């Protein structure tokens, strides 16, 4: 069994997150979207300024997972902005991104368990996320971790309006 190390990202990790976020998003979604829409999304969401802004956000934290010295995945937890269907103290798993060579190797599960552990420590009642309706592998992963679909919303990838499933897990 592989032993991973986990730590909270700091502002010094911005270049790493910019690179890893861009790469994992591209690896996962480029086959299903136009090059122009992918380029626009990545430039907007993984620019140096955007990544630094996210790292400085006091309502969020980014969790890095390392296999030895190499960062192979990350998750981002964010408080606030909950959908109307979510009542009580809640937190969103805004991202769980894993290097493609590590998918299925326990990285995603380790990140998920760390997100759940941190949420419980913080007294969170509901943890929720959005997942593209055409990402069956991710949907199965979330269902195996106890998440259930409760709604949908539009996710803009460039100029393409896509449907995300909103999924939740009650922690109490």
C-alpha atoms as a PDB file:
ATOM      1  CA  UNK A   1       0.000   0.000   0.000  1.00  0.00           C
ATOM      2  CA  UNK A   2       1.321   3.403  -1.000  1.00  0.00           C
ATOM      3  CA  UNK A   3       1.693   5.957   1.764  1.00  0.00           C
ATOM      4  CA  UNK A   4       0.955   9.482   0.614  1.00  0.00           C
ATOM      5  CA  UNK A   5       1.774  12.696   2.424  1.00  0.00           C
ATOM      6  CA  UNK A   6      -0.794  15.463   2.689  1.00  0.00           C
ATOM      7  CA  UNK A   7      -0.352  19.124   3.498  1.00  0.00           C
ATOM      8  CA  UNK A   8      -2.142  22.444   3.089  1.00  0.00           C
ATOM      9  CA  UNK A   9      -0.934  24.557   0.174  1.00  0.00           C
ATOM     10  CA  UNK A  10       0.670  27.942   0.774  1.00  0.00           C
ATOM     11  CA  UNK A  11       1.160  30.910  -1.529  1.00  0.00           C
ATOM     12  CA  UNK A  12       4.556  29.420  -2.440  1.00  0.00           C
ATOM     13  CA  UNK A  13       2.680  26.529  -4.091  1.00  0.00           C
ATOM     14  CA  UNK A  14       0.990  28.809  -6.642  1.00  0.00           C
ATOM     15  CA  UNK A  15       3.236  27.793  -9.588  1.00  0.00           C
ATOM     16  CA  UNK A  16       2.754  24.107  -8.734  1.00  0.00           C
ATOM     17  CA  UNK A  17      -1.041  24.472  -8.562  1.00  0.00           C
ATOM     18  CA  UNK A  18      -1.134  26.508 -11.747  1.00  0.00           C
ATOM     19  CA  UNK A  19       0.781  23.769 -13.582  1.00  0.00           C
ATOM     20  CA  UNK A  20      -0.993  20.790 -11.970  1.00  0.00           C
ATOM     21  CA  UNK A  21      -4.466  22.320 -12.276  1.00  0.00           C
ATOM     22  CA  UNK A  22      -3.982  23.162 -15.956  1.00  0.00           C
ATOM     23  CA  UNK A  23      -2.538  19.745 -16.753  1.00  0.00           C
ATOM     24  CA  UNK A  24      -5.097  17.624 -14.923  1.00  0.00           C
ATOM     25  CA  UNK A  25      -8.042  19.670 -16.228  1.00  0.00           C
ATOM     26  CA  UNK A  26      -6.707  19.400 -19.775  1.00  0.00           C
ATOM     27  CA  UNK A  27      -5.962  15.669 -19.450  1.00  0.00           C
ATOM     28  CA  UNK A  28      -9.494  15.014 -18.204  1.00  0.00           C
ATOM     29  CA  UNK A  29     -11.611  17.255 -20.419  1.00  0.00           C
ATOM     30  CA  UNK A  30      -9.771  18.230 -23.622  1.00  0.00           C
ATOM     31  CA  UNK A  31     -11.136  15.252 -25.600  1.00  0.00           C
ATOM     32  CA  UNK A  32     -14.696  16.479 -24.945  1.00  0.00           C
ATOM     33  CA  UNK A  33     -14.330  20.218 -25.546  1.00  0.00           C
ATOM     34  CA  UNK A  34     -13.009  22.564 -28.203  1.00  0.00           C
ATOM     35  CA  UNK A  35      -9.415  23.713 -27.956  1.00  0.00           C
ATOM     36  CA  UNK A  36     -10.605  27.330 -27.763  1.00  0.00           C
ATOM     37  CA  UNK A  37     -12.991  26.662 -24.847  1.00  0.00           C
ATOM     38  CA  UNK A  38     -10.304  24.707 -22.996  1.00  0.00           C
ATOM     39  CA  UNK A  39      -7.778  27.494 -23.553  1.00  0.00           C
ATOM     40  CA  UNK A  40     -10.195  30.149 -22.281  1.00  0.00           C
ATOM     41  CA  UNK A  41     -11.157  28.150 -19.199  1.00  0.00           C
ATOM     42  CA  UNK A  42      -7.563  27.307 -18.254  1.00  0.00           C
ATOM     43  CA  UNK A  43      -6.333  30.874 -18.814  1.00  0.00           C
ATOM     44  CA  UNK A  44      -9.140  32.212 -16.614  1.00  0.00           C
ATOM     45  CA  UNK A  45      -9.071  29.633 -13.816  1.00  0.00           C
ATOM     46  CA  UNK A  46      -5.400  28.677 -13.622  1.00  0.00           C
ATOM     47  CA  UNK A  47      -3.690  31.990 -14.265  1.00  0.00           C
ATOM     48  CA  UNK A  48      -0.998  32.959 -11.798  1.00  0.00           C
ATOM     49  CA  UNK A  49      -3.168  35.742 -10.360  1.00  0.00           C
ATOM     50  CA  UNK A  50      -6.256  33.509 -10.013  1.00  0.00           C
ATOM     51  CA  UNK A  51      -4.348  30.714  -8.278  1.00  0.00           C
ATOM     52  CA  UNK A  52      -2.738  33.181  -5.855  1.00  0.00           C
ATOM     53  CA  UNK A  53      -6.145  34.766  -5.157  1.00  0.00           C
ATOM     54  CA  UNK A  54      -7.568  31.319  -4.351  1.00  0.00           C
ATOM     55  CA  UNK A  55      -4.660  30.501  -2.046  1.00  0.00           C
ATOM     56  CA  UNK A  56      -5.189  33.753  -0.122  1.00  0.00           C
ATOM     57  CA  UNK A  57      -8.955  33.180   0.240  1.00  0.00           C
ATOM     58  CA  UNK A  58      -9.627  32.719   3.973  1.00  0.00           C
ATOM     59  CA  UNK A  59     -12.863  30.821   3.197  1.00  0.00           C
ATOM     60  CA  UNK A  60     -10.987  28.070   1.389  1.00  0.00           C
ATOM     61  CA  UNK A  61      -8.070  25.718   1.690  1.00  0.00           C
ATOM     62  CA  UNK A  62      -6.204  23.672  -0.866  1.00  0.00           C
ATOM     63  CA  UNK A  63      -4.943  20.243   0.130  1.00  0.00           C
ATOM     64  CA  UNK A  64      -1.898  18.822  -1.663  1.00  0.00           C
ATOM     65  CA  UNK A  65      -1.150  15.116  -1.875  1.00  0.00           C
ATOM     66  CA  UNK A  66       2.406  13.945  -2.540  1.00  0.00           C
ATOM     67  CA  UNK A  67       3.813  10.593  -3.584  1.00  0.00           C
ATOM     68  CA  UNK A  68       7.342  11.051  -2.316  1.00  0.00           C
ATOM     69  CA  UNK A  69       8.522  14.458  -3.506  1.00  0.00           C
ATOM     70  CA  UNK A  70       5.999  14.666  -6.358  1.00  0.00           C
ATOM     71  CA  UNK A  71       2.624  16.372  -5.940  1.00  0.00           C
ATOM     72  CA  UNK A  72       0.163  14.089  -7.746  1.00  0.00           C
ATOM     73  CA  UNK A  73      -3.187  15.553  -6.736  1.00  0.00           C
ATOM     74  CA  UNK A  74      -4.999  18.276  -4.889  1.00  0.00           C
ATOM     75  CA  UNK A  75      -8.387  19.181  -3.498  1.00  0.00           C
ATOM     76  CA  UNK A  76      -9.915  22.563  -2.739  1.00  0.00           C
ATOM     77  CA  UNK A  77     -12.491  23.054   0.012  1.00  0.00           C
ATOM     78  CA  UNK A  78     -14.529  26.262   0.055  1.00  0.00           C
ATOM     79  CA  UNK A  79     -17.083  27.670   2.513  1.00  0.00           C
ATOM     80  CA  UNK A  80     -19.919  29.910   1.309  1.00  0.00           C
ATOM     81  CA  UNK A  81     -21.905  30.087  -1.897  1.00  0.00           C
ATOM     82  CA  UNK A  82     -24.007  27.055  -1.052  1.00  0.00           C
ATOM     83  CA  UNK A  83     -26.975  26.188  -3.288  1.00  0.00           C
ATOM     84  CA  UNK A  84     -30.411  26.964  -1.835  1.00  0.00           C
ATOM     85  CA  UNK A  85     -31.032  23.235  -1.319  1.00  0.00           C
ATOM     86  CA  UNK A  86     -28.199  23.074   1.235  1.00  0.00           C
ATOM     87  CA  UNK A  87     -29.132  24.191   4.738  1.00  0.00           C
ATOM     88  CA  UNK A  88     -26.913  24.283   7.806  1.00  0.00           C
ATOM     89  CA  UNK A  89     -23.141  24.393   8.007  1.00  0.00           C
ATOM     90  CA  UNK A  90     -21.759  23.196   4.682  1.00  0.00           C
ATOM     91  CA  UNK A  91     -18.585  23.135   2.629  1.00  0.00           C
ATOM     92  CA  UNK A  92     -17.977  22.562  -1.064  1.00  0.00           C
ATOM     93  CA  UNK A  93     -15.333  20.310  -2.531  1.00  0.00           C
ATOM     94  CA  UNK A  94     -14.586  22.707  -5.340  1.00  0.00           C
ATOM     95  CA  UNK A  95     -11.924  20.496  -6.924  1.00  0.00           C
ATOM     96  CA  UNK A  96     -10.394  17.072  -6.623  1.00  0.00           C
ATOM     97  CA  UNK A  97      -7.775  16.810  -9.367  1.00  0.00           C
ATOM     98  CA  UNK A  98      -5.453  13.829  -9.773  1.00  0.00           C
ATOM     99  CA  UNK A  99      -2.589  13.200 -12.207  1.00  0.00           C
ATOM    100  CA  UNK A 100      -3.870  10.752 -14.845  1.00  0.00           C
ATOM    101  CA  UNK A 101      -1.184   8.140 -14.077  1.00  0.00           C
ATOM    102  CA  UNK A 102      -2.437   8.044 -10.467  1.00  0.00           C
ATOM    103  CA  UNK A 103      -6.172   7.721 -11.180  1.00  0.00           C
ATOM    104  CA  UNK A 104      -7.385   4.496  -9.595  1.00  0.00           C
ATOM    105  CA  UNK A 105      -4.332   4.326  -7.334  1.00  0.00           C
ATOM    106  CA  UNK A 106      -5.871   5.689  -4.152  1.00  0.00           C
ATOM    107  CA  UNK A 107      -4.973   9.371  -4.573  1.00  0.00           C
ATOM    108  CA  UNK A 108      -8.563  10.516  -5.099  1.00  0.00           C
ATOM    109  CA  UNK A 109      -9.758   8.438  -2.171  1.00  0.00           C
ATOM    110  CA  UNK A 110      -7.019   9.798   0.102  1.00  0.00           C
ATOM    111  CA  UNK A 111      -7.952  13.363  -0.878  1.00  0.00           C
ATOM    112  CA  UNK A 112     -11.659  12.654  -0.348  1.00  0.00           C
ATOM    113  CA  UNK A 113     -11.051  11.169   3.101  1.00  0.00           C
ATOM    114  CA  UNK A 114      -8.942  14.190   4.046  1.00  0.00           C
ATOM    115  CA  UNK A 115     -11.701  16.555   2.859  1.00  0.00           C
ATOM    116  CA  UNK A 116     -14.297  14.669   4.895  1.00  0.00           C
ATOM    117  CA  UNK A 117     -12.023  14.569   7.960  1.00  0.00           C
ATOM    118  CA  UNK A 118     -11.411  18.318   7.808  1.00  0.00           C
ATOM    119  CA  UNK A 119     -15.106  19.037   7.269  1.00  0.00           C
ATOM    120  CA  UNK A 120     -16.086  16.930  10.288  1.00  0.00           C
ATOM    121  CA  UNK A 121     -13.407  18.605  12.426  1.00  0.00           C
ATOM    122  CA  UNK A 122     -14.944  21.944  11.469  1.00  0.00           C
ATOM    123  CA  UNK A 123     -18.446  20.791  12.481  1.00  0.00           C
ATOM    124  CA  UNK A 124     -19.732  20.739   8.901  1.00  0.00           C
ATOM    125  CA  UNK A 125     -23.088  19.004   8.432  1.00  0.00           C
ATOM    126  CA  UNK A 126     -23.092  18.716   4.618  1.00  0.00           C
ATOM    127  CA  UNK A 127     -20.284  18.405   2.116  1.00  0.00           C
ATOM    128  CA  UNK A 128     -21.223  18.996  -1.520  1.00  0.00           C
ATOM    129  CA  UNK A 129     -19.734  19.279  -4.997  1.00  0.00           C
ATOM    130  CA  UNK A 130     -20.498  19.690  -8.681  1.00  0.00           C
ATOM    131  CA  UNK A 131     -19.540  17.104 -11.308  1.00  0.00           C
ATOM    132  CA  UNK A 132     -20.042  17.144 -15.078  1.00  0.00           C
ATOM    133  CA  UNK A 133     -22.972  14.937 -16.055  1.00  0.00           C
ATOM    134  CA  UNK A 134     -20.786  13.243 -18.718  1.00  0.00           C
ATOM    135  CA  UNK A 135     -18.035  12.190 -16.299  1.00  0.00           C
ATOM    136  CA  UNK A 136     -19.270   8.730 -15.239  1.00  0.00           C
ATOM    137  CA  UNK A 137     -16.002   7.720 -13.586  1.00  0.00           C
ATOM    138  CA  UNK A 138     -16.100  10.730 -11.261  1.00  0.00           C
ATOM    139  CA  UNK A 139     -19.819  10.237 -10.578  1.00  0.00           C
ATOM    140  CA  UNK A 140     -19.194   6.597  -9.590  1.00  0.00           C
ATOM    141  CA  UNK A 141     -16.304   7.698  -7.356  1.00  0.00           C
ATOM    142  CA  UNK A 142     -18.511  10.211  -5.553  1.00  0.00           C
ATOM    143  CA  UNK A 143     -21.374   7.727  -5.213  1.00  0.00           C
ATOM    144  CA  UNK A 144     -18.981   5.155  -3.712  1.00  0.00           C
ATOM    145  CA  UNK A 145     -18.025   7.830  -1.180  1.00  0.00           C
ATOM    146  CA  UNK A 146     -21.660   8.339  -0.160  1.00  0.00           C
ATOM    147  CA  UNK A 147     -22.604  11.349  -2.305  1.00  0.00           C
ATOM    148  CA  UNK A 148     -26.081  11.599  -3.824  1.00  0.00           C
ATOM    149  CA  UNK A 149     -27.342  13.850  -6.604  1.00  0.00           C
ATOM    150  CA  UNK A 150     -29.680  16.579  -5.351  1.00  0.00           C
ATOM    151  CA  UNK A 151     -29.781  19.116  -8.189  1.00  0.00           C
ATOM    152  CA  UNK A 152     -28.118  20.394 -11.358  1.00  0.00           C
ATOM    153  CA  UNK A 153     -26.620  23.680 -12.478  1.00  0.00           C
ATOM    154  CA  UNK A 154     -25.043  25.207 -15.557  1.00  0.00           C
ATOM    155  CA  UNK A 155     -21.255  25.229 -15.744  1.00  0.00           C
ATOM    156  CA  UNK A 156     -19.737  27.475 -18.397  1.00  0.00           C
ATOM    157  CA  UNK A 157     -16.673  26.096 -20.115  1.00  0.00           C
ATOM    158  CA  UNK A 158     -15.719  28.921 -22.430  1.00  0.00           C
ATOM    159  CA  UNK A 159     -18.898  29.573 -24.407  1.00  0.00           C
ATOM    160  CA  UNK A 160     -20.295  26.056 -23.851  1.00  0.00           C
ATOM    161  CA  UNK A 161     -23.072  25.750 -21.259  1.00  0.00           C
ATOM    162  CA  UNK A 162     -22.654  22.318 -19.671  1.00  0.00           C
ATOM    163  CA  UNK A 163     -24.733  20.596 -17.014  1.00  0.00           C
ATOM    164  CA  UNK A 164     -23.135  19.694 -13.700  1.00  0.00           C
ATOM    165  CA  UNK A 165     -24.789  17.409 -11.214  1.00  0.00           C
ATOM    166  CA  UNK A 166     -24.760  18.762  -7.677  1.00  0.00           C
ATOM    167  CA  UNK A 167     -24.077  15.980  -5.189  1.00  0.00           C
ATOM    168  CA  UNK A 168     -24.091  15.983  -1.395  1.00  0.00           C
ATOM    169  CA  UNK A 169     -23.077  13.860   1.546  1.00  0.00           C
ATOM    170  CA  UNK A 170     -24.579  14.391   4.982  1.00  0.00           C
ATOM    171  CA  UNK A 171     -21.908  14.110   7.664  1.00  0.00           C
ATOM    172  CA  UNK A 172     -24.029  13.801  10.803  1.00  0.00           C
END
